[in-house]
């Protein structure tokens, strides 16, 4: 169980996804083999952190036993987070 709120955990989740995505672009733009290996190692570390954050978020959502609303500014609607079969699920409205 986490000491962070579900919102804080979800923010960490999004931040890690963004960092992993950006490293992918950096790898694609790199020519130097040493730099590519360093970026791949960093991405692997971030992916492991993302797995831990996701696991904690799923545990928090499972304990809450309801859907957690997050306002989706891009879609101007609400996205609900919930856990199902130990997986993070999204429901868009």
N, C-alpha and C. Protein backbone atom coordinates (compact mmCIF):
# COMPACT_ATOMS: atom_id res chain seq x y z
N UNK A 1 0.85 -1.19 0.00
CA UNK A 1 0.00 0.00 0.00
C UNK A 1 0.88 1.24 0.00
N UNK A 2 0.41 2.28 -0.63
CA UNK A 2 1.19 3.50 -0.78
C UNK A 2 0.74 4.59 0.18
N UNK A 3 1.67 5.47 0.51
CA UNK A 3 1.32 6.63 1.32
C UNK A 3 0.88 7.79 0.43
N UNK A 4 1.03 7.62 -0.88
CA UNK A 4 0.59 8.64 -1.84
C UNK A 4 -0.89 8.48 -2.15
N UNK A 5 -1.54 9.58 -2.50
CA UNK A 5 -2.94 9.50 -2.93
C UNK A 5 -2.99 8.85 -4.31
N UNK A 6 -4.16 8.43 -4.71
CA UNK A 6 -4.32 7.83 -6.03
C UNK A 6 -3.94 8.85 -7.11
N UNK A 7 -4.30 10.10 -6.91
CA UNK A 7 -3.95 11.14 -7.88
C UNK A 7 -2.43 11.27 -8.02
N UNK A 8 -1.72 11.28 -6.89
CA UNK A 8 -0.26 11.38 -6.92
C UNK A 8 0.36 10.15 -7.60
N UNK A 9 -0.18 8.98 -7.32
CA UNK A 9 0.32 7.76 -7.96
C UNK A 9 0.08 7.81 -9.47
N UNK A 10 -1.08 8.29 -9.87
CA UNK A 10 -1.40 8.37 -11.29
C UNK A 10 -0.49 9.41 -11.97
N UNK A 11 -0.20 10.50 -11.28
CA UNK A 11 0.71 11.51 -11.83
C UNK A 11 2.11 10.91 -12.03
N UNK A 12 2.56 10.09 -11.08
CA UNK A 12 3.85 9.41 -11.22
C UNK A 12 3.81 8.47 -12.42
N UNK A 13 2.71 7.75 -12.57
CA UNK A 13 2.52 6.83 -13.68
C UNK A 13 2.65 7.57 -15.01
N UNK A 14 1.95 8.70 -15.14
CA UNK A 14 2.00 9.48 -16.38
C UNK A 14 3.39 10.06 -16.63
N UNK A 15 4.04 10.52 -15.57
CA UNK A 15 5.38 11.09 -15.70
C UNK A 15 6.36 10.03 -16.21
N UNK A 16 6.29 8.83 -15.67
CA UNK A 16 7.18 7.76 -16.12
C UNK A 16 6.89 7.35 -17.55
N UNK A 17 5.62 7.27 -17.93
CA UNK A 17 5.28 6.96 -19.32
C UNK A 17 5.87 8.00 -20.26
N UNK A 18 5.77 9.26 -19.89
CA UNK A 18 6.30 10.33 -20.73
C UNK A 18 7.82 10.23 -20.85
N UNK A 19 8.51 9.97 -19.74
CA UNK A 19 9.97 9.84 -19.78
C UNK A 19 10.40 8.67 -20.65
N UNK A 20 9.71 7.54 -20.54
CA UNK A 20 10.03 6.36 -21.35
C UNK A 20 9.81 6.68 -22.83
N UNK A 21 8.73 7.36 -23.14
CA UNK A 21 8.42 7.75 -24.52
C UNK A 21 9.51 8.67 -25.07
N UNK A 22 9.92 9.66 -24.29
CA UNK A 22 10.94 10.61 -24.74
C UNK A 22 12.29 9.94 -24.94
N UNK A 23 12.64 8.99 -24.08
CA UNK A 23 13.90 8.26 -24.26
C UNK A 23 13.86 7.46 -25.55
N UNK A 24 12.70 6.93 -25.89
CA UNK A 24 12.56 6.22 -27.17
C UNK A 24 12.89 7.12 -28.34
N UNK A 25 12.43 8.36 -28.29
CA UNK A 25 12.76 9.32 -29.35
C UNK A 25 14.26 9.63 -29.36
N UNK A 26 14.85 9.77 -28.17
CA UNK A 26 16.28 10.04 -28.07
C UNK A 26 17.10 8.88 -28.65
N UNK A 27 16.66 7.66 -28.40
CA UNK A 27 17.35 6.48 -28.95
C UNK A 27 17.26 6.50 -30.48
N UNK A 28 16.07 6.81 -31.00
CA UNK A 28 15.90 6.85 -32.45
C UNK A 28 16.78 7.93 -33.10
N UNK A 29 17.02 9.03 -32.38
CA UNK A 29 17.80 10.14 -32.92
C UNK A 29 19.31 9.96 -32.71
N UNK A 30 19.71 8.99 -31.92
CA UNK A 30 21.12 8.82 -31.59
C UNK A 30 21.85 8.02 -32.66
N UNK A 31 23.12 8.37 -32.81
CA UNK A 31 23.98 7.65 -33.75
C UNK A 31 25.05 6.88 -32.97
N UNK A 32 25.49 7.46 -31.88
CA UNK A 32 26.56 6.90 -31.06
C UNK A 32 26.07 5.66 -30.31
N UNK A 33 26.75 4.54 -30.52
CA UNK A 33 26.34 3.27 -29.91
C UNK A 33 26.39 3.31 -28.37
N UNK A 34 27.39 3.99 -27.81
CA UNK A 34 27.52 4.09 -26.35
C UNK A 34 26.34 4.87 -25.79
N UNK A 35 25.97 5.96 -26.45
CA UNK A 35 24.83 6.77 -26.01
C UNK A 35 23.53 5.96 -26.08
N UNK A 36 23.39 5.19 -27.12
CA UNK A 36 22.18 4.35 -27.27
C UNK A 36 22.10 3.34 -26.12
N UNK A 37 23.22 2.70 -25.80
CA UNK A 37 23.22 1.72 -24.70
C UNK A 37 22.87 2.38 -23.37
N UNK A 38 23.40 3.59 -23.14
CA UNK A 38 23.09 4.32 -21.90
C UNK A 38 21.60 4.66 -21.84
N UNK A 39 21.04 5.10 -22.96
CA UNK A 39 19.62 5.45 -23.00
C UNK A 39 18.74 4.22 -22.80
N UNK A 40 19.16 3.10 -23.39
CA UNK A 40 18.39 1.85 -23.22
C UNK A 40 18.42 1.39 -21.77
N UNK A 41 19.55 1.56 -21.10
CA UNK A 41 19.65 1.18 -19.69
C UNK A 41 18.75 2.08 -18.84
N UNK A 42 18.75 3.36 -19.14
CA UNK A 42 17.89 4.31 -18.41
C UNK A 42 16.42 3.98 -18.64
N UNK A 43 16.07 3.64 -19.88
CA UNK A 43 14.68 3.28 -20.19
C UNK A 43 14.27 2.02 -19.45
N UNK A 44 15.15 1.05 -19.36
CA UNK A 44 14.85 -0.18 -18.63
C UNK A 44 14.59 0.10 -17.15
N UNK A 45 15.42 0.97 -16.57
CA UNK A 45 15.22 1.36 -15.17
C UNK A 45 13.87 2.03 -14.98
N UNK A 46 13.51 2.94 -15.89
CA UNK A 46 12.22 3.63 -15.79
C UNK A 46 11.06 2.65 -15.97
N UNK A 47 11.22 1.67 -16.84
CA UNK A 47 10.16 0.67 -17.03
C UNK A 47 9.94 -0.14 -15.75
N UNK A 48 11.01 -0.46 -15.05
CA UNK A 48 10.88 -1.19 -13.77
C UNK A 48 10.17 -0.33 -12.73
N UNK A 49 10.52 0.95 -12.68
CA UNK A 49 9.83 1.87 -11.76
C UNK A 49 8.36 1.97 -12.13
N UNK A 50 8.06 2.02 -13.42
CA UNK A 50 6.68 2.10 -13.88
C UNK A 50 5.90 0.86 -13.43
N UNK A 51 6.51 -0.30 -13.50
CA UNK A 51 5.85 -1.53 -13.04
C UNK A 51 5.53 -1.45 -11.56
N UNK A 52 6.46 -0.93 -10.77
CA UNK A 52 6.22 -0.81 -9.33
C UNK A 52 5.12 0.20 -9.04
N UNK A 53 5.15 1.34 -9.72
CA UNK A 53 4.12 2.37 -9.53
C UNK A 53 2.76 1.82 -9.94
N UNK A 54 2.71 1.10 -11.05
CA UNK A 54 1.45 0.52 -11.52
C UNK A 54 0.91 -0.49 -10.51
N UNK A 55 1.79 -1.32 -9.98
CA UNK A 55 1.38 -2.34 -9.00
C UNK A 55 0.79 -1.67 -7.76
N UNK A 56 1.44 -0.61 -7.28
CA UNK A 56 0.96 0.11 -6.11
C UNK A 56 -0.37 0.80 -6.39
N UNK A 57 -0.47 1.40 -7.57
CA UNK A 57 -1.71 2.07 -7.97
C UNK A 57 -2.86 1.06 -8.05
N UNK A 58 -2.61 -0.09 -8.62
CA UNK A 58 -3.63 -1.14 -8.71
C UNK A 58 -4.06 -1.59 -7.31
N UNK A 59 -3.09 -1.74 -6.41
CA UNK A 59 -3.42 -2.13 -5.03
C UNK A 59 -4.29 -1.08 -4.35
N UNK A 60 -3.96 0.19 -4.57
CA UNK A 60 -4.75 1.28 -3.97
C UNK A 60 -6.17 1.30 -4.54
N UNK A 61 -6.28 1.12 -5.84
CA UNK A 61 -7.60 1.13 -6.47
C UNK A 61 -8.42 -0.08 -6.04
N UNK A 62 -7.78 -1.22 -5.87
CA UNK A 62 -8.47 -2.43 -5.42
C UNK A 62 -9.02 -2.22 -4.01
N UNK A 63 -8.21 -1.64 -3.15
CA UNK A 63 -8.64 -1.39 -1.79
C UNK A 63 -9.80 -0.39 -1.75
N UNK A 64 -9.78 0.59 -2.65
CA UNK A 64 -10.83 1.61 -2.69
C UNK A 64 -12.17 1.01 -3.14
N UNK A 65 -12.11 -0.05 -3.96
CA UNK A 65 -13.29 -0.78 -4.44
C UNK A 65 -14.28 0.09 -5.21
N UNK A 66 -13.78 1.12 -5.89
CA UNK A 66 -14.64 1.91 -6.77
C UNK A 66 -13.78 2.56 -7.84
N UNK A 67 -14.42 3.17 -8.80
CA UNK A 67 -13.69 3.84 -9.87
C UNK A 67 -13.23 5.22 -9.39
N UNK A 68 -12.02 5.60 -9.76
CA UNK A 68 -11.47 6.89 -9.36
C UNK A 68 -11.55 7.84 -10.55
N UNK A 69 -12.28 8.96 -10.42
CA UNK A 69 -12.44 9.88 -11.56
C UNK A 69 -11.23 10.81 -11.73
N UNK A 70 -10.84 10.97 -12.99
CA UNK A 70 -9.78 11.92 -13.35
C UNK A 70 -10.34 12.73 -14.52
N UNK A 71 -10.25 14.06 -14.42
CA UNK A 71 -10.75 14.88 -15.52
C UNK A 71 -9.79 14.80 -16.70
N UNK A 72 -10.32 14.51 -17.85
CA UNK A 72 -9.54 14.40 -19.08
C UNK A 72 -9.67 15.72 -19.83
N UNK A 73 -8.68 16.57 -19.70
CA UNK A 73 -8.74 17.89 -20.33
C UNK A 73 -8.67 17.80 -21.84
N UNK A 74 -7.93 16.83 -22.37
CA UNK A 74 -7.83 16.67 -23.82
C UNK A 74 -9.18 16.32 -24.43
N UNK A 75 -9.88 15.39 -23.80
CA UNK A 75 -11.17 14.95 -24.32
C UNK A 75 -12.34 15.68 -23.71
N UNK A 76 -12.05 16.62 -22.80
CA UNK A 76 -13.08 17.37 -22.10
C UNK A 76 -14.15 16.44 -21.52
N UNK A 77 -13.68 15.43 -20.82
CA UNK A 77 -14.59 14.48 -20.19
C UNK A 77 -13.92 13.90 -18.96
N UNK A 78 -14.45 12.80 -18.47
CA UNK A 78 -13.91 12.16 -17.28
C UNK A 78 -13.42 10.77 -17.63
N UNK A 79 -12.24 10.45 -17.14
CA UNK A 79 -11.68 9.11 -17.26
C UNK A 79 -11.71 8.50 -15.87
N UNK A 80 -12.18 7.28 -15.78
CA UNK A 80 -12.23 6.57 -14.50
C UNK A 80 -11.14 5.51 -14.47
N UNK A 81 -10.39 5.49 -13.39
CA UNK A 81 -9.38 4.47 -13.16
C UNK A 81 -9.95 3.42 -12.23
N UNK A 82 -9.65 2.17 -12.51
CA UNK A 82 -10.05 1.09 -11.61
C UNK A 82 -9.15 -0.11 -11.86
N UNK A 83 -9.19 -1.05 -10.95
CA UNK A 83 -8.39 -2.27 -11.07
C UNK A 83 -9.33 -3.44 -11.35
N UNK A 84 -8.90 -4.27 -12.28
CA UNK A 84 -9.66 -5.48 -12.61
C UNK A 84 -8.67 -6.59 -12.90
N UNK A 85 -8.78 -7.69 -12.19
CA UNK A 85 -7.86 -8.82 -12.35
C UNK A 85 -6.40 -8.38 -12.22
N UNK A 86 -6.13 -7.54 -11.23
CA UNK A 86 -4.79 -7.02 -10.97
C UNK A 86 -4.19 -6.24 -12.14
N UNK A 87 -5.04 -5.60 -12.93
CA UNK A 87 -4.59 -4.76 -14.04
C UNK A 87 -5.21 -3.39 -13.91
N UNK A 88 -4.45 -2.37 -14.33
CA UNK A 88 -4.95 -1.02 -14.34
C UNK A 88 -5.86 -0.83 -15.54
N UNK A 89 -7.08 -0.37 -15.27
CA UNK A 89 -8.08 -0.21 -16.33
C UNK A 89 -8.51 1.25 -16.42
N UNK A 90 -8.89 1.66 -17.62
CA UNK A 90 -9.37 3.02 -17.87
C UNK A 90 -10.75 2.93 -18.49
N UNK A 91 -11.63 3.79 -18.05
CA UNK A 91 -12.98 3.87 -18.62
C UNK A 91 -13.23 5.33 -18.97
N UNK A 92 -13.51 5.59 -20.24
CA UNK A 92 -13.66 6.96 -20.72
C UNK A 92 -15.14 7.32 -20.84
N UNK A 93 -15.48 8.53 -20.42
CA UNK A 93 -16.85 9.03 -20.55
C UNK A 93 -16.83 10.40 -21.17
